[in-house]
């Protein structure tokens, strides 16, 4: 959203995100255009000796590639998404104009810590001395901690405002702020929060960007795999939600739009918090179809089924080893039950989803 708004204001904007859905090139874009295969090859060939010499990781190399590309193309702004955590992330070498910490939830506990405060300590590592930090909606103790770190670093802490009159539909999210009324085609209460976070960042960067320009930027925002509609005829969606907070957000969004529970296809990597995910799903679906594939770096369907049933998730649950067949079963369930359907759990299944539903990037 930040990148899209800045582009609408006339700036040349680099965007670095991860992971990608289909092609590696998606991670590094300028004004919406992905880095080319030739530019990737040129970077790797030029710096291969250095990469090998320091044993640079995949993400470290990718980050260096993004920064080099943005510098070579002389962007006005580079919007950089942290890979994991913040404190030790390779993106944290920059001296930014502003930083932002979005709502913190339990994820990657094996790396970041097994509670919100531990994770917040890692996230707070991006707070720089004298650099403003925008703080998204947080639990009270987490918000207090982040403000404390900001104060220690003499960094102005900017809380996002309370959002009013959020209205969801299958075509987007409408909301009202002190800057006016806005709409984003991204669907969900959490997307209203994301949008207000983006607007807060924009207003801190350039006060001259007006509400009309902000709205144009929001309208042009595309985020594949986030409550993405898969059909014009049926209420079918794809959402990469893979932790309890993301699953709760997805379910609340579906219930708000359709006033009923969804049919779900679920796939997960083996490093996820299965007990917490099971708790998030319990009593929150019409039918649950579990699928997976080792070839896609996902748990096999039966393996995931056994793990979830240990936590009591057994009602209206079925397995399907082949993801494509799971998607077909979901489509049939949507037709039969008149309840919406959503595929959740991973970026790694995106290629199979898009192939099945004829979506091209």
Protein backbone atom coordinates (compact mmCIF):
# COMPACT_ATOMS: atom_id res chain seq x y z
CA UNK A 1 0.00 0.00 0.00
CA UNK A 2 2.82 2.43 0.88
CA UNK A 3 4.52 1.74 -2.44
CA UNK A 4 1.29 2.17 -4.40
CA UNK A 5 0.46 5.50 -2.73
CA UNK A 6 3.96 6.87 -3.30
CA UNK A 7 3.75 5.85 -6.96
CA UNK A 8 0.40 7.64 -7.26
CA UNK A 9 2.13 10.73 -5.89
CA UNK A 10 4.61 10.61 -8.76
CA UNK A 11 7.58 9.00 -7.03
CA UNK A 12 9.75 6.25 -8.45
CA UNK A 13 9.45 3.45 -5.91
CA UNK A 14 11.36 0.24 -5.26
CA UNK A 15 9.59 -2.52 -3.34
CA UNK A 16 11.26 -5.50 -1.67
CA UNK A 17 9.02 -8.22 -0.22
CA UNK A 18 9.13 -11.92 0.59
CA UNK A 19 8.32 -14.65 -0.03
CA UNK A 20 7.29 -14.77 -3.67
CA UNK A 21 4.21 -16.64 -4.88
CA UNK A 22 5.23 -17.88 -8.33
CA UNK A 23 8.50 -16.33 -9.52
CA UNK A 24 11.52 -15.15 -7.54
CA UNK A 25 11.48 -11.87 -9.52
CA UNK A 26 8.30 -10.79 -7.67
CA UNK A 27 10.40 -10.00 -4.60
CA UNK A 28 12.13 -7.02 -6.23
CA UNK A 29 10.10 -4.48 -8.18
CA UNK A 30 10.33 -0.87 -9.30
CA UNK A 31 7.05 0.89 -10.04
CA UNK A 32 5.39 -2.51 -10.20
CA UNK A 33 7.86 -3.99 -12.70
CA UNK A 34 9.76 -7.07 -11.55
CA UNK A 35 13.52 -7.29 -11.79
CA UNK A 36 14.41 -9.10 -15.02
CA UNK A 37 16.10 -12.50 -15.32
CA UNK A 38 19.03 -10.78 -17.05
CA UNK A 39 19.48 -8.35 -14.15
CA UNK A 40 19.41 -11.22 -11.65
CA UNK A 41 21.99 -13.16 -13.67
CA UNK A 42 24.20 -10.07 -14.01
CA UNK A 43 24.20 -9.50 -10.23
CA UNK A 44 24.96 -13.14 -9.38
CA UNK A 45 27.78 -13.36 -11.91
CA UNK A 46 29.30 -10.08 -10.75
CA UNK A 47 29.25 -10.93 -7.05
CA UNK A 48 29.47 -14.73 -7.07
CA UNK A 49 33.00 -14.72 -5.64
CA UNK A 50 31.94 -12.44 -2.77
CA UNK A 51 28.78 -14.47 -2.13
CA UNK A 52 30.79 -17.68 -1.86
CA UNK A 53 33.60 -16.09 0.15
CA UNK A 54 31.33 -14.87 2.96
CA UNK A 55 28.84 -17.76 2.64
CA UNK A 56 26.02 -15.31 2.06
CA UNK A 57 22.59 -16.84 2.71
CA UNK A 58 19.79 -16.85 0.14
CA UNK A 59 18.00 -13.98 1.86
CA UNK A 60 21.17 -11.96 2.43
CA UNK A 61 22.06 -12.30 -1.24
CA UNK A 62 18.53 -11.39 -2.31
CA UNK A 63 18.56 -8.33 -0.06
CA UNK A 64 21.87 -7.15 -1.50
CA UNK A 65 20.47 -7.71 -4.99
CA UNK A 66 17.40 -5.58 -4.19
CA UNK A 67 19.44 -2.73 -2.72
CA UNK A 68 21.83 -2.79 -5.68
CA UNK A 69 18.94 -2.74 -8.16
CA UNK A 70 17.27 0.19 -6.41
CA UNK A 71 20.54 2.14 -6.27
CA UNK A 72 21.31 1.47 -9.94
CA UNK A 73 17.83 2.63 -10.95
CA UNK A 74 17.99 5.69 -8.66
CA UNK A 75 14.59 5.20 -6.99
CA UNK A 76 13.08 8.04 -4.94
CA UNK A 77 11.90 5.66 -2.23
CA UNK A 78 12.56 2.02 -1.39
CA UNK A 79 9.91 0.23 0.66
CA UNK A 80 11.63 -2.65 2.44
CA UNK A 81 9.81 -5.51 4.16
CA UNK A 82 11.76 -7.30 6.88
CA UNK A 83 12.26 -10.99 6.18
CA UNK A 84 12.06 -12.47 9.68
CA UNK A 85 12.04 -10.66 13.01
CA UNK A 86 14.02 -7.47 12.54
CA UNK A 87 16.97 -7.16 14.90
CA UNK A 88 19.18 -9.64 13.06
CA UNK A 89 17.50 -9.38 9.67
CA UNK A 90 19.77 -8.52 6.75
CA UNK A 91 17.44 -5.65 5.78
CA UNK A 92 18.32 -3.95 9.07
CA UNK A 93 21.53 -2.49 7.66
CA UNK A 94 19.63 0.46 6.19
CA UNK A 95 19.28 3.87 7.78
CA UNK A 96 15.62 4.51 6.93
CA UNK A 97 13.51 7.64 6.73
CA UNK A 98 10.84 5.90 8.84
CA UNK A 99 10.14 2.43 10.26
CA UNK A 100 6.87 0.66 11.01
CA UNK A 101 5.91 -2.32 13.16
CA UNK A 102 2.62 -3.96 12.22
CA UNK A 103 0.53 -6.02 14.69
CA UNK A 104 2.70 -8.67 16.34
CA UNK A 105 1.40 -12.22 16.61
CA UNK A 106 2.82 -15.65 17.38
CA UNK A 107 4.76 -17.01 14.42
CA UNK A 108 8.20 -18.52 13.85
CA UNK A 109 8.41 -19.26 17.58
CA UNK A 110 11.43 -21.53 17.10
CA UNK A 111 13.42 -18.55 15.84
CA UNK A 112 11.87 -15.41 17.34
CA UNK A 113 10.71 -16.65 20.76
CA UNK A 114 7.73 -18.44 22.26
CA UNK A 115 5.78 -15.41 23.48
CA UNK A 116 4.72 -12.02 22.12
CA UNK A 117 7.19 -10.04 24.21
CA UNK A 118 10.14 -12.09 22.97
CA UNK A 119 8.98 -11.58 19.39
CA UNK A 120 8.46 -7.86 20.05
CA UNK A 121 12.09 -7.59 21.20
CA UNK A 122 13.21 -8.94 17.82
CA UNK A 123 10.81 -6.69 15.90
CA UNK A 124 11.90 -3.65 17.90
CA UNK A 125 15.41 -4.14 16.58
CA UNK A 126 14.46 -2.06 13.53
CA UNK A 127 13.82 1.04 15.67
CA UNK A 128 16.66 3.45 14.89
CA UNK A 129 17.98 6.37 16.88
CA UNK A 130 16.09 9.60 16.07
CA UNK A 131 14.10 7.86 13.29
CA UNK A 132 10.27 7.92 13.61
CA UNK A 133 8.51 4.59 14.09
CA UNK A 134 4.86 3.93 13.28
CA UNK A 135 3.35 1.43 15.70
CA UNK A 136 0.39 -0.61 14.47
CA UNK A 137 -2.34 -2.02 16.71
CA UNK A 138 -0.70 -4.04 19.49
CA UNK A 139 -1.63 -5.66 22.77
CA UNK A 140 -1.26 -3.19 25.64
CA UNK A 141 1.98 -4.59 27.09
CA UNK A 142 3.56 -4.91 23.63
CA UNK A 143 2.65 -1.35 22.74
CA UNK A 144 4.15 -0.15 26.02
CA UNK A 145 7.35 -2.07 25.36
CA UNK A 146 7.73 -0.67 21.82
CA UNK A 147 7.17 2.86 23.10
CA UNK A 148 9.87 2.25 25.69
CA UNK A 149 12.38 1.17 23.05
CA UNK A 150 11.46 4.16 20.90
CA UNK A 151 11.91 6.51 23.85
CA UNK A 152 15.34 5.02 24.64
CA UNK A 153 16.37 5.68 21.03
CA UNK A 154 14.85 9.19 20.96
CA UNK A 155 12.65 7.90 18.13
CA UNK A 156 9.26 9.61 17.76
CA UNK A 157 6.63 6.87 18.20
CA UNK A 158 3.48 7.35 16.12
CA UNK A 159 0.45 5.22 17.00
CA UNK A 160 -2.08 4.60 14.27
CA UNK A 161 -5.50 6.01 15.00
CA UNK A 162 -8.64 4.09 15.87
CA UNK A 163 -10.50 3.21 12.67
CA UNK A 164 -14.20 3.99 12.34
CA UNK A 165 -17.04 2.67 10.19
CA UNK A 166 -15.26 -0.29 8.62
CA UNK A 167 -17.50 -1.96 6.04
CA UNK A 168 -16.59 -5.11 4.17
CA UNK A 169 -17.84 -6.52 0.89
CA UNK A 170 -16.58 -9.06 -1.61
CA UNK A 171 -15.19 -6.15 -3.64
CA UNK A 172 -13.18 -4.43 -0.89
CA UNK A 173 -13.00 -2.60 2.43
CA UNK A 174 -14.37 0.86 3.20
CA UNK A 175 -13.27 2.82 6.29
CA UNK A 176 -13.14 6.31 7.74
CA UNK A 177 -10.17 8.17 9.27
CA UNK A 178 -9.36 11.71 10.38
CA UNK A 179 -8.02 12.25 6.84
CA UNK A 180 -11.29 11.24 5.21
CA UNK A 181 -13.09 8.20 3.83
CA UNK A 182 -11.12 5.57 1.93
CA UNK A 183 -11.56 2.26 0.16
CA UNK A 184 -9.13 -0.54 -0.66
CA UNK A 185 -9.88 -3.51 -2.91
CA UNK A 186 -8.14 -5.70 -0.32
CA UNK A 187 -10.72 -7.48 1.83
CA UNK A 188 -10.78 -7.60 5.64
CA UNK A 189 -10.84 -5.59 8.85
CA UNK A 190 -7.10 -6.21 9.06
CA UNK A 191 -6.70 -4.57 5.65
CA UNK A 192 -8.31 -1.40 7.00
CA UNK A 193 -5.67 -1.47 9.75
CA UNK A 194 -2.94 -2.05 7.16
CA UNK A 195 -4.27 0.85 5.09
CA UNK A 196 -4.32 3.26 8.03
CA UNK A 197 -0.78 2.17 8.91
CA UNK A 198 0.25 2.96 5.33
CA UNK A 199 -1.51 6.33 5.40
CA UNK A 200 0.21 7.19 8.69
CA UNK A 201 3.58 6.37 7.13
CA UNK A 202 2.78 8.45 4.06
CA UNK A 203 1.70 11.47 6.10
CA UNK A 204 4.92 11.23 8.11
CA UNK A 205 7.01 11.13 4.92
CA UNK A 206 5.27 13.77 2.84
CA UNK A 207 2.49 15.96 4.24
CA UNK A 208 1.75 17.24 0.73
CA UNK A 209 0.30 13.91 -0.42
CA UNK A 210 -3.44 14.57 -0.23
CA UNK A 211 -6.37 12.25 0.41
CA UNK A 212 -7.27 12.01 -3.28
CA UNK A 213 -3.79 10.75 -4.14
CA UNK A 214 -3.88 8.34 -1.21
CA UNK A 215 -7.19 6.93 -2.42
CA UNK A 216 -5.81 6.46 -5.94
CA UNK A 217 -2.88 4.55 -4.47
CA UNK A 218 -5.11 2.36 -2.32
CA UNK A 219 -7.35 1.56 -5.29
CA UNK A 220 -4.35 0.38 -7.31
CA UNK A 221 -2.98 -1.86 -4.55
CA UNK A 222 -2.77 -5.50 -5.59
CA UNK A 223 -1.78 -8.18 -3.08
CA UNK A 224 -2.07 -11.67 -4.48
CA UNK A 225 -2.90 -14.44 -2.03
CA UNK A 226 -4.70 -12.18 0.46
CA UNK A 227 -8.42 -13.01 0.39
CA UNK A 228 -7.94 -13.23 -3.35
CA UNK A 229 -11.09 -14.03 -5.33
CA UNK A 230 -10.66 -17.12 -7.48
CA UNK A 231 -13.99 -17.13 -9.29
CA UNK A 232 -16.49 -14.66 -10.70
CA UNK A 233 -19.33 -17.15 -10.23
CA UNK A 234 -18.66 -18.63 -6.80
CA UNK A 235 -17.46 -17.20 -3.46
CA UNK A 236 -14.04 -18.84 -3.62
CA UNK A 237 -10.90 -17.27 -2.14
CA UNK A 238 -7.20 -17.93 -1.61
CA UNK A 239 -5.52 -16.59 1.51
CA UNK A 240 -1.98 -17.41 2.64
CA UNK A 241 -2.96 -17.19 6.34
CA UNK A 242 -0.69 -19.65 8.14
CA UNK A 243 -0.74 -18.61 11.79
CA UNK A 244 -3.57 -18.26 14.34
CA UNK A 245 -3.90 -14.48 13.94
CA UNK A 246 -4.11 -14.75 10.17
CA UNK A 247 -6.66 -17.55 10.35
CA UNK A 248 -8.85 -15.63 12.81
CA UNK A 249 -8.70 -12.60 10.49
CA UNK A 250 -9.70 -14.73 7.51
CA UNK A 251 -12.62 -16.35 9.34
CA UNK A 252 -13.90 -13.01 10.67
CA UNK A 253 -13.71 -11.55 7.17
CA UNK A 254 -15.66 -14.45 5.63
CA UNK A 255 -18.29 -14.32 8.37
CA UNK A 256 -18.69 -10.56 7.99
CA UNK A 257 -19.19 -10.73 4.22
CA UNK A 258 -21.18 -13.95 3.89
CA UNK A 259 -22.75 -14.35 7.37
CA UNK A 260 -21.78 -18.02 7.54
CA UNK A 261 -18.79 -20.30 8.08
CA UNK A 262 -16.48 -21.22 5.19
CA UNK A 263 -15.54 -24.51 3.63
CA UNK A 264 -11.75 -24.65 3.93
CA UNK A 265 -8.85 -26.35 2.18
CA UNK A 266 -5.86 -26.34 4.55
CA UNK A 267 -2.19 -27.03 3.84
CA UNK A 268 0.76 -26.18 6.08
CA UNK A 269 4.51 -26.39 6.40
CA UNK A 270 5.76 -28.54 9.24
CA UNK A 271 7.08 -25.64 11.32
CA UNK A 272 3.68 -24.15 12.22
CA UNK A 273 1.96 -23.98 15.61
CA UNK A 274 -0.51 -26.78 15.00
CA UNK A 275 -2.23 -26.67 18.39
CA UNK A 276 -2.89 -22.94 18.11
CA UNK A 277 -4.01 -23.30 14.51
CA UNK A 278 -6.33 -26.13 15.53
CA UNK A 279 -7.82 -23.90 18.22
CA UNK A 280 -8.33 -21.10 15.70
CA UNK A 281 -10.14 -23.43 13.29
CA UNK A 282 -12.30 -25.27 15.83
CA UNK A 283 -16.02 -24.60 15.24
CA UNK A 284 -15.09 -22.06 12.56
CA UNK A 285 -15.62 -24.05 9.37
CA UNK A 286 -18.37 -25.91 7.50
CA UNK A 287 -16.06 -28.56 6.01
CA UNK A 288 -12.28 -28.87 6.39
CA UNK A 289 -10.35 -30.53 3.56
CA UNK A 290 -6.72 -31.23 4.44
CA UNK A 291 -4.18 -31.54 1.65
CA UNK A 292 -0.46 -31.26 1.17
CA UNK A 293 2.60 -32.31 -0.79
CA UNK A 294 6.22 -32.95 0.11
CA UNK A 295 7.11 -31.76 -3.39
CA UNK A 296 5.69 -28.36 -2.44
CA UNK A 297 7.59 -28.39 0.88
CA UNK A 298 4.29 -28.98 2.73
CA UNK A 299 3.21 -31.65 5.19
CA UNK A 300 1.50 -34.62 3.57
CA UNK A 301 -2.29 -34.63 3.99
CA UNK A 302 -2.42 -37.66 6.31
CA UNK A 303 0.49 -36.37 8.40
CA UNK A 304 -1.25 -33.03 8.94
CA UNK A 305 -4.59 -34.77 9.61
CA UNK A 306 -3.07 -36.97 12.35
CA UNK A 307 -1.36 -33.98 13.95
CA UNK A 308 -4.54 -31.87 14.03
CA UNK A 309 -6.79 -34.66 15.32
CA UNK A 310 -4.51 -34.95 18.35
CA UNK A 311 -5.79 -31.50 19.30
CA UNK A 312 -9.44 -32.47 18.81
CA UNK A 313 -10.02 -31.17 15.29
CA UNK A 314 -12.15 -34.04 13.94
CA UNK A 315 -15.61 -32.77 12.94
CA UNK A 316 -16.33 -32.68 9.18
CA UNK A 317 -12.67 -33.24 8.32
CA UNK A 318 -11.46 -35.11 5.25
CA UNK A 319 -8.12 -35.56 3.52
CA UNK A 320 -7.11 -35.35 -0.12
CA UNK A 321 -3.53 -36.16 -1.07
CA UNK A 322 -3.66 -34.31 -4.37
CA UNK A 323 -4.07 -30.51 -3.95
CA UNK A 324 -5.81 -30.11 -7.31
CA UNK A 325 -8.47 -32.63 -6.28
CA UNK A 326 -8.83 -30.88 -2.95
CA UNK A 327 -9.60 -27.66 -4.84
CA UNK A 328 -12.21 -29.51 -6.92
CA UNK A 329 -13.78 -30.94 -3.77
CA UNK A 330 -13.89 -27.45 -2.29
CA UNK A 331 -15.64 -26.07 -5.36
CA UNK A 332 -18.23 -28.84 -5.11
CA UNK A 333 -18.76 -28.14 -1.40
CA UNK A 334 -19.34 -24.46 -2.14
CA UNK A 335 -22.00 -25.37 -4.68
CA UNK A 336 -23.64 -27.93 -2.40
CA UNK A 337 -23.61 -26.01 0.90
CA UNK A 338 -23.98 -22.46 -0.46
CA UNK A 339 -21.18 -21.54 1.94
CA UNK A 340 -18.04 -19.77 0.68
CA UNK A 341 -14.77 -21.61 0.20
CA UNK A 342 -11.23 -20.56 0.99
CA UNK A 343 -7.82 -22.17 0.44
CA UNK A 344 -5.42 -21.29 3.25
CA UNK A 345 -2.11 -22.14 4.84
CA UNK A 346 0.82 -21.39 2.59
CA UNK A 347 2.48 -19.41 -0.19
CA UNK A 348 3.94 -22.69 -1.44
CA UNK A 349 0.64 -23.86 -2.92
CA UNK A 350 0.06 -20.68 -4.95
CA UNK A 351 1.24 -22.16 -8.24
CA UNK A 352 -1.18 -25.07 -7.91
CA UNK A 353 -4.03 -22.70 -6.96
CA UNK A 354 -3.43 -20.35 -9.87
CA UNK A 355 -3.07 -23.23 -12.34
CA UNK A 356 -6.35 -24.76 -11.16
CA UNK A 357 -8.34 -21.53 -11.37
CA UNK A 358 -6.70 -20.09 -14.47
CA UNK A 359 -5.04 -17.10 -12.82
CA UNK A 360 -1.98 -15.64 -14.50
CA UNK A 361 0.55 -13.27 -12.98
